[in-house]
Amino acid sequence: MRVLTKIILIVFVFEVVLFLIASSIPQNNPSLVSAFNSTENQVLNQSYFGKVLMIFGNNVRVAFLDFIPAVGMIILAVSIYSTGAVLSAFSSSLNVPGILSALGLMTLPHSWLELPSYAVAASSGLYIVIRPREWVRGLLTLIIVPIELFLAALVESSEFYVSNPYILWLYSIPAFVFLYFLYEFLQKRADKYIKVKTPVTQQQNVIQIQQPTYADYITRYNQSWNTASYYETQGNLAEAMRYYWEAIFYLITAVGNKLGMPTLTKEDQDNVIKSVAYKVGNPQLYDIYNEAFKIRIENRLSDFQIFKEYLSQLARYLNSI
């Protein structure tokens, strides 16, 4: 499940719980009842499409405020609590528990279109705060909010004209299906955008940590061997010995890479030489390698020609693998 989806679900549960809590708190506030009746009368005096536009305009304004990053969650909490408080005050004026009115309202189809849209809006803004590099996901997800609220307004307005509002569930279910697929489509579009923006950095990191290949080590072997030859012609045997040994190290590593054997330690390199000696049928190869290693460690420049001869034999057999 996507992180944004989890956030939406958590915020939606928070929203519903807060609404039920607010509506369950008894309110004896005539001004809230008066405001509720005034708003209801304004809606009732509208035509069907007038109702749709009025309900949609009010709800979409609230949803866009909920989207504001960082403060949107606070706005959502205040608006939901206020809605629950108004419903409680109106219910109390009719001697009906507010929680019963809230639960009854939750059974109507428009509630399950309207309330999730606020959660989507607030979660999209919150997601941008949590993952600013993926801000495009938050913006793309916001597209669903006005569409969902318009569908909710259509259903809610229709509830004024039918004797049984629950029949509108038949119209709401296709809307839920449509919104689900729209949500998935928007998330996939966000996935593609984010993958296009981030692979450049990721590929650079992969290049930086990628292990050298057999061909890379062979190239380094040739470069070090040529450098050693240059120093040898210049009479600098110390540098020549160093680079000849470096060349053999790269060659052993290349062969170990090819054979799928580790070459991190001296013991690993010994095992590569033993494996090559077995393959070429020359058990003395390991002894030659150890003699050359002793000359290098002891820096016996007087035995430089013997050292080079040993390495030349090693190189010949290693290159045959």
Protein backbone atom coordinates (compact mmCIF):
# COMPACT_ATOMS: atom_id res chain seq x y z
CA MET A 1 0.00 0.00 0.00
CA ARG A 2 1.33 3.44 -0.91
CA VAL A 3 2.32 5.82 1.85
CA LEU A 4 -0.20 8.40 0.64
CA THR A 5 -3.00 5.82 0.69
CA LYS A 6 -2.17 4.95 4.30
CA ILE A 7 -2.21 8.62 5.24
CA ILE A 8 -5.60 9.11 3.57
CA LEU A 9 -7.09 6.15 5.44
CA ILE A 10 -5.72 7.35 8.78
CA VAL A 11 -6.97 10.90 8.21
CA PHE A 12 -10.39 9.64 7.10
CA VAL A 13 -10.78 7.53 10.26
CA PHE A 14 -9.68 10.55 12.34
CA GLU A 15 -12.20 12.71 10.49
CA VAL A 16 -15.14 10.33 11.06
CA VAL A 17 -14.27 9.78 14.73
CA LEU A 18 -13.94 13.53 15.34
CA PHE A 19 -17.28 14.17 13.61
CA LEU A 20 -19.04 11.55 15.75
CA ILE A 21 -17.45 12.90 18.94
CA ALA A 22 -18.41 16.49 18.14
CA SER A 23 -21.97 15.54 17.27
CA SER A 24 -22.34 13.50 20.48
CA ILE A 25 -21.54 16.51 22.69
CA PRO A 26 -24.86 18.22 23.55
CA GLN A 27 -25.06 21.77 22.25
CA ASN A 28 -27.63 24.32 23.38
CA ASN A 29 -26.75 27.12 21.03
CA PRO A 30 -29.62 28.94 19.28
CA SER A 31 -27.22 30.85 17.04
CA LEU A 32 -25.90 27.59 15.57
CA VAL A 33 -29.45 26.37 15.00
CA SER A 34 -30.35 29.66 13.33
CA ALA A 35 -27.29 29.45 11.07
CA PHE A 36 -28.16 25.85 10.14
CA ASN A 37 -31.78 26.75 9.32
CA SER A 38 -30.67 29.75 7.26
CA THR A 39 -28.26 27.66 5.20
CA GLU A 40 -30.84 24.91 4.73
CA ASN A 41 -33.46 27.41 3.54
CA GLN A 42 -31.01 28.86 1.03
CA VAL A 43 -30.39 25.40 -0.37
CA LEU A 44 -34.08 24.47 -0.46
CA ASN A 45 -34.94 27.62 -2.40
CA GLN A 46 -32.56 26.66 -5.21
CA SER A 47 -33.31 24.58 -8.28
CA TYR A 48 -31.67 21.17 -8.56
CA PHE A 49 -28.60 22.50 -10.36
CA GLY A 50 -28.63 25.54 -8.11
CA LYS A 51 -28.40 23.19 -5.14
CA VAL A 52 -25.58 21.29 -6.82
CA LEU A 53 -23.57 24.45 -7.46
CA MET A 54 -24.21 25.87 -4.01
CA ILE A 55 -23.26 22.68 -2.19
CA PHE A 56 -20.27 22.06 -4.45
CA GLY A 57 -18.98 25.64 -4.13
CA ASN A 58 -19.07 25.57 -0.34
CA ASN A 59 -17.50 22.11 -0.04
CA VAL A 60 -14.74 22.62 -2.58
CA ARG A 61 -13.70 25.85 -0.83
CA VAL A 62 -13.33 23.94 2.45
CA ALA A 63 -11.42 21.13 0.71
CA PHE A 64 -8.88 23.49 -0.85
CA LEU A 65 -8.28 25.04 2.57
CA ASP A 66 -7.73 21.52 3.93
CA PHE A 67 -5.06 21.01 1.24
CA ILE A 68 -2.83 23.84 2.50
CA PRO A 69 0.39 22.09 3.59
CA ALA A 70 1.14 22.03 7.33
CA VAL A 71 -2.02 23.92 8.42
CA GLY A 72 -4.54 21.95 6.34
CA MET A 73 -4.93 19.27 9.00
CA ILE A 74 -5.80 21.94 11.58
CA ILE A 75 -8.37 23.48 9.23
CA LEU A 76 -9.85 20.03 8.60
CA ALA A 77 -10.16 19.32 12.32
CA VAL A 78 -11.80 22.69 13.02
CA SER A 79 -14.27 22.40 10.11
CA ILE A 80 -15.26 18.81 10.95
CA TYR A 81 -15.69 19.60 14.63
CA SER A 82 -17.76 22.68 13.74
CA THR A 83 -19.98 20.60 11.45
CA GLY A 84 -20.53 18.07 14.22
CA ALA A 85 -21.29 20.84 16.73
CA VAL A 86 -23.87 22.44 14.41
CA LEU A 87 -25.52 19.07 13.81
CA SER A 88 -25.61 18.47 17.58
CA ALA A 89 -27.20 21.87 18.22
CA PHE A 90 -29.85 21.32 15.54
CA SER A 91 -30.59 17.81 16.82
CA SER A 92 -30.86 19.07 20.39
CA SER A 93 -33.48 21.61 19.27
CA LEU A 94 -35.55 18.64 18.07
CA ASN A 95 -34.85 16.63 21.23
CA VAL A 96 -32.84 14.11 19.23
CA PRO A 97 -29.36 12.96 20.36
CA GLY A 98 -26.74 14.40 18.06
CA ILE A 99 -24.92 11.09 17.75
CA LEU A 100 -28.06 9.48 16.28
CA SER A 101 -28.33 12.25 13.69
CA ALA A 102 -24.65 11.81 12.85
CA LEU A 103 -24.99 8.05 12.46
CA GLY A 104 -28.09 8.54 10.32
CA LEU A 105 -26.22 11.02 8.15
CA MET A 106 -23.40 8.53 7.75
CA THR A 107 -25.83 6.05 6.18
CA LEU A 108 -26.57 8.41 3.30
CA PRO A 109 -24.49 7.89 0.13
CA HIS A 110 -23.38 11.51 -0.27
CA SER A 111 -21.53 11.35 3.08
CA TRP A 112 -19.24 8.62 1.77
CA LEU A 113 -18.40 10.75 -1.24
CA GLU A 114 -18.00 14.04 0.59
CA LEU A 115 -16.09 13.09 3.75
CA PRO A 116 -13.32 11.09 2.00
CA SER A 117 -12.66 14.03 -0.31
CA TYR A 118 -11.66 16.19 2.66
CA ALA A 119 -9.34 13.42 3.85
CA VAL A 120 -7.80 13.20 0.37
CA ALA A 121 -7.27 16.98 0.25
CA ALA A 122 -5.71 17.21 3.72
CA SER A 123 -3.57 14.11 3.16
CA SER A 124 -2.27 15.43 -0.16
CA GLY A 125 -1.08 18.61 1.53
CA LEU A 126 0.41 16.66 4.43
CA TYR A 127 2.20 14.33 1.99
CA ILE A 128 3.93 17.31 0.39
CA VAL A 129 5.25 18.28 3.83
CA ILE A 130 6.41 14.74 4.60
CA ARG A 131 7.92 14.07 1.17
CA PRO A 132 8.60 17.42 -0.50
CA ARG A 133 10.55 15.79 -3.34
CA GLU A 134 7.38 13.95 -4.33
CA TRP A 135 5.21 17.09 -4.31
CA VAL A 136 3.82 16.15 -7.71
CA ARG A 137 1.98 13.19 -6.15
CA GLY A 138 0.19 15.51 -3.76
CA LEU A 139 -0.85 17.87 -6.55
CA LEU A 140 -2.00 15.09 -8.87
CA THR A 141 -4.01 13.47 -6.09
CA LEU A 142 -5.73 16.80 -5.43
CA ILE A 143 -7.33 16.55 -8.90
CA ILE A 144 -9.68 13.90 -7.58
CA VAL A 145 -11.10 16.18 -4.86
CA PRO A 146 -13.28 18.60 -6.92
CA ILE A 147 -14.50 15.69 -9.05
CA GLU A 148 -15.47 13.70 -5.98
CA LEU A 149 -17.16 16.71 -4.38
CA PHE A 150 -19.12 17.45 -7.55
CA LEU A 151 -20.41 13.86 -7.59
CA ALA A 152 -21.25 14.20 -3.89
CA ALA A 153 -23.17 17.41 -4.60
CA LEU A 154 -25.14 15.67 -7.36
CA VAL A 155 -26.13 12.86 -4.99
CA GLU A 156 -26.86 15.14 -2.02
CA SER A 157 -29.05 17.42 -4.15
CA SER A 158 -30.91 14.38 -5.47
CA GLU A 159 -31.71 13.32 -1.90
CA PHE A 160 -34.11 16.28 -1.66
CA TYR A 161 -36.21 14.91 -4.54
CA VAL A 162 -36.54 11.20 -3.76
CA SER A 163 -38.77 9.58 -1.17
CA ASN A 164 -36.09 7.03 -0.29
CA PRO A 165 -32.60 8.57 -0.38
CA TYR A 166 -31.00 5.15 0.06
CA ILE A 167 -31.90 4.28 -3.52
CA LEU A 168 -29.16 6.73 -4.52
CA TRP A 169 -26.62 4.15 -3.39
CA LEU A 170 -27.28 2.57 -6.78
CA TYR A 171 -25.90 5.71 -8.40
CA SER A 172 -23.15 6.20 -5.84
CA ILE A 173 -21.53 2.78 -6.19
CA PRO A 174 -20.48 3.39 -9.85
CA ALA A 175 -19.12 6.75 -8.68
CA PHE A 176 -16.97 4.99 -6.05
CA VAL A 177 -15.64 2.60 -8.70
CA PHE A 178 -14.85 5.48 -11.05
CA LEU A 179 -13.07 7.43 -8.29
CA TYR A 180 -11.03 4.37 -7.32
CA PHE A 181 -9.73 3.88 -10.85
CA LEU A 182 -9.12 7.62 -11.21
CA TYR A 183 -7.09 7.55 -7.99
CA GLU A 184 -5.03 4.60 -9.24
CA PHE A 185 -4.47 6.34 -12.58
CA LEU A 186 -3.25 9.51 -10.88
CA GLN A 187 -0.92 7.52 -8.62
CA LYS A 188 0.59 5.71 -11.61
CA ARG A 189 1.12 9.02 -13.37
CA ALA A 190 2.87 10.28 -10.23
CA ASP A 191 4.99 7.11 -10.12
CA LYS A 192 6.15 7.68 -13.69
CA TYR A 193 6.98 11.32 -13.05
CA ILE A 194 8.93 10.53 -9.89
CA LYS A 195 10.82 7.69 -11.64
CA VAL A 196 11.74 10.04 -14.47
CA LYS A 197 13.03 12.67 -12.06
CA THR A 198 14.98 10.41 -9.68
CA PRO A 199 16.79 7.78 -11.81
CA VAL A 200 19.47 10.27 -12.88
CA THR A 201 20.74 10.55 -9.33
CA GLN A 202 20.17 6.88 -8.65
CA GLN A 203 22.09 5.86 -11.76
CA GLN A 204 24.97 8.10 -10.74
CA ASN A 205 25.05 6.39 -7.35
CA VAL A 206 24.99 2.98 -9.01
CA ILE A 207 27.90 3.98 -11.22
CA GLN A 208 29.84 5.14 -8.18
CA ILE A 209 29.37 1.90 -6.23
CA GLN A 210 29.41 -0.52 -9.17
CA GLN A 211 32.23 -3.07 -8.93
CA PRO A 212 34.80 -3.02 -11.74
CA THR A 213 34.37 -5.74 -14.35
CA TYR A 214 36.87 -8.27 -15.71
CA ALA A 215 37.61 -5.92 -18.62
CA ASP A 216 38.25 -3.03 -16.21
CA TYR A 217 40.84 -5.02 -14.28
CA ILE A 218 42.53 -6.19 -17.49
CA THR A 219 42.80 -2.56 -18.59
CA ARG A 220 44.36 -1.62 -15.26
CA TYR A 221 46.73 -4.59 -15.53
CA ASN A 222 47.97 -3.45 -18.95
CA GLN A 223 48.35 0.14 -17.78
CA SER A 224 50.36 -0.86 -14.69
CA TRP A 225 52.53 -3.28 -16.67
CA ASN A 226 53.34 -0.60 -19.25
CA THR A 227 54.13 1.87 -16.47
CA ALA A 228 56.46 -0.67 -14.86
CA SER A 229 58.22 -1.22 -18.18
CA TYR A 230 58.74 2.51 -18.52
CA TYR A 231 60.31 2.82 -15.07
CA GLU A 232 62.49 -0.22 -15.82
CA THR A 233 63.87 1.45 -18.95
CA GLN A 234 64.56 4.55 -16.84
CA GLY A 235 66.52 2.46 -14.35
CA ASN A 236 64.06 3.08 -11.53
CA LEU A 237 63.75 -0.53 -10.39
CA ALA A 238 61.94 0.28 -7.16
CA GLU A 239 59.02 1.89 -9.02
CA ALA A 240 59.19 -0.77 -11.72
CA MET A 241 58.90 -3.53 -9.09
CA ARG A 242 55.96 -1.73 -7.47
CA TYR A 243 54.04 -1.36 -10.72
CA TYR A 244 54.82 -4.92 -11.91
CA TRP A 245 53.36 -6.25 -8.68
CA GLU A 246 50.38 -3.93 -9.00
CA ALA A 247 49.83 -5.26 -12.52
CA ILE A 248 49.84 -8.87 -11.28
CA PHE A 249 47.44 -7.91 -8.51
CA TYR A 250 44.98 -6.53 -11.08
CA LEU A 251 45.43 -9.63 -13.25
CA ILE A 252 44.77 -11.98 -10.31
CA THR A 253 41.70 -9.90 -9.43
CA ALA A 254 40.48 -10.07 -13.03
CA VAL A 255 40.86 -13.85 -13.12
CA GLY A 256 39.20 -14.17 -9.71
CA ASN A 257 36.34 -12.05 -11.03
CA LYS A 258 36.05 -14.30 -14.05
CA LEU A 259 36.08 -17.46 -11.94
CA GLY A 260 33.63 -16.01 -9.42
CA MET A 261 36.21 -16.09 -6.61
CA PRO A 262 36.84 -13.34 -4.01
CA THR A 263 40.17 -11.50 -4.12
CA LEU A 264 39.93 -9.18 -1.12
CA THR A 265 42.63 -10.80 1.01
CA LYS A 266 46.03 -12.45 0.46
CA GLU A 267 44.40 -15.79 1.20
CA ASP A 268 41.76 -15.11 -1.47
CA GLN A 269 44.51 -14.33 -4.00
CA ASP A 270 46.38 -17.50 -2.99
CA ASN A 271 43.25 -19.50 -3.72
CA VAL A 272 42.95 -17.93 -7.17
CA ILE A 273 46.56 -18.89 -7.98
CA LYS A 274 45.99 -22.45 -6.69
CA SER A 275 42.87 -22.73 -8.85
CA VAL A 276 44.75 -21.50 -11.93
CA ALA A 277 47.68 -23.85 -11.20
CA TYR A 278 45.23 -26.76 -11.09
CA LYS A 279 43.52 -25.68 -14.31
CA VAL A 280 46.77 -25.26 -16.30
CA GLY A 281 48.37 -28.37 -14.77
CA ASN A 282 51.34 -26.53 -13.27
CA PRO A 283 51.48 -27.05 -9.47
CA GLN A 284 54.71 -25.01 -9.28
CA LEU A 285 52.78 -21.86 -10.20
CA TYR A 286 51.80 -21.29 -6.58
CA ASP A 287 55.46 -21.58 -5.46
CA ILE A 288 56.51 -19.10 -8.16
CA TYR A 289 53.84 -16.67 -6.91
CA ASN A 290 55.04 -16.99 -3.30
CA GLU A 291 58.70 -16.45 -4.27
CA ALA A 292 57.78 -13.31 -6.19
CA PHE A 293 55.71 -12.13 -3.21
CA LYS A 294 58.73 -12.56 -0.86
CA ILE A 295 60.99 -10.57 -3.18
CA ARG A 296 58.39 -7.76 -3.33
CA ILE A 297 57.82 -7.68 0.44
CA GLU A 298 61.55 -7.66 1.18
CA ASN A 299 62.11 -5.15 -1.64
CA ARG A 300 65.08 -7.15 -2.96
CA LEU A 301 65.99 -5.02 -5.94
CA SER A 302 69.03 -7.24 -6.53
CA ASP A 303 66.63 -10.02 -7.54
CA PHE A 304 64.62 -7.75 -9.84
CA GLN A 305 65.18 -9.88 -12.97
CA ILE A 306 64.14 -13.08 -11.15
CA PHE A 307 61.10 -11.19 -9.81
CA LYS A 308 60.14 -10.05 -13.29
CA GLU A 309 60.62 -13.55 -14.72
CA TYR A 310 58.34 -14.99 -12.05
CA LEU A 311 55.68 -12.40 -12.80
CA SER A 312 55.97 -12.97 -16.54
CA GLN A 313 55.29 -16.68 -16.01
CA LEU A 314 52.36 -15.87 -13.74
CA ALA A 315 50.97 -13.40 -16.29
CA ARG A 316 51.27 -15.96 -19.10
CA TYR A 317 49.26 -18.60 -17.22
CA LEU A 318 46.75 -16.16 -15.78
CA ASN A 319 46.06 -14.69 -19.22
CA SER A 320 45.36 -18.19 -20.54
CA ILE A 321 42.30 -18.56 -18.29
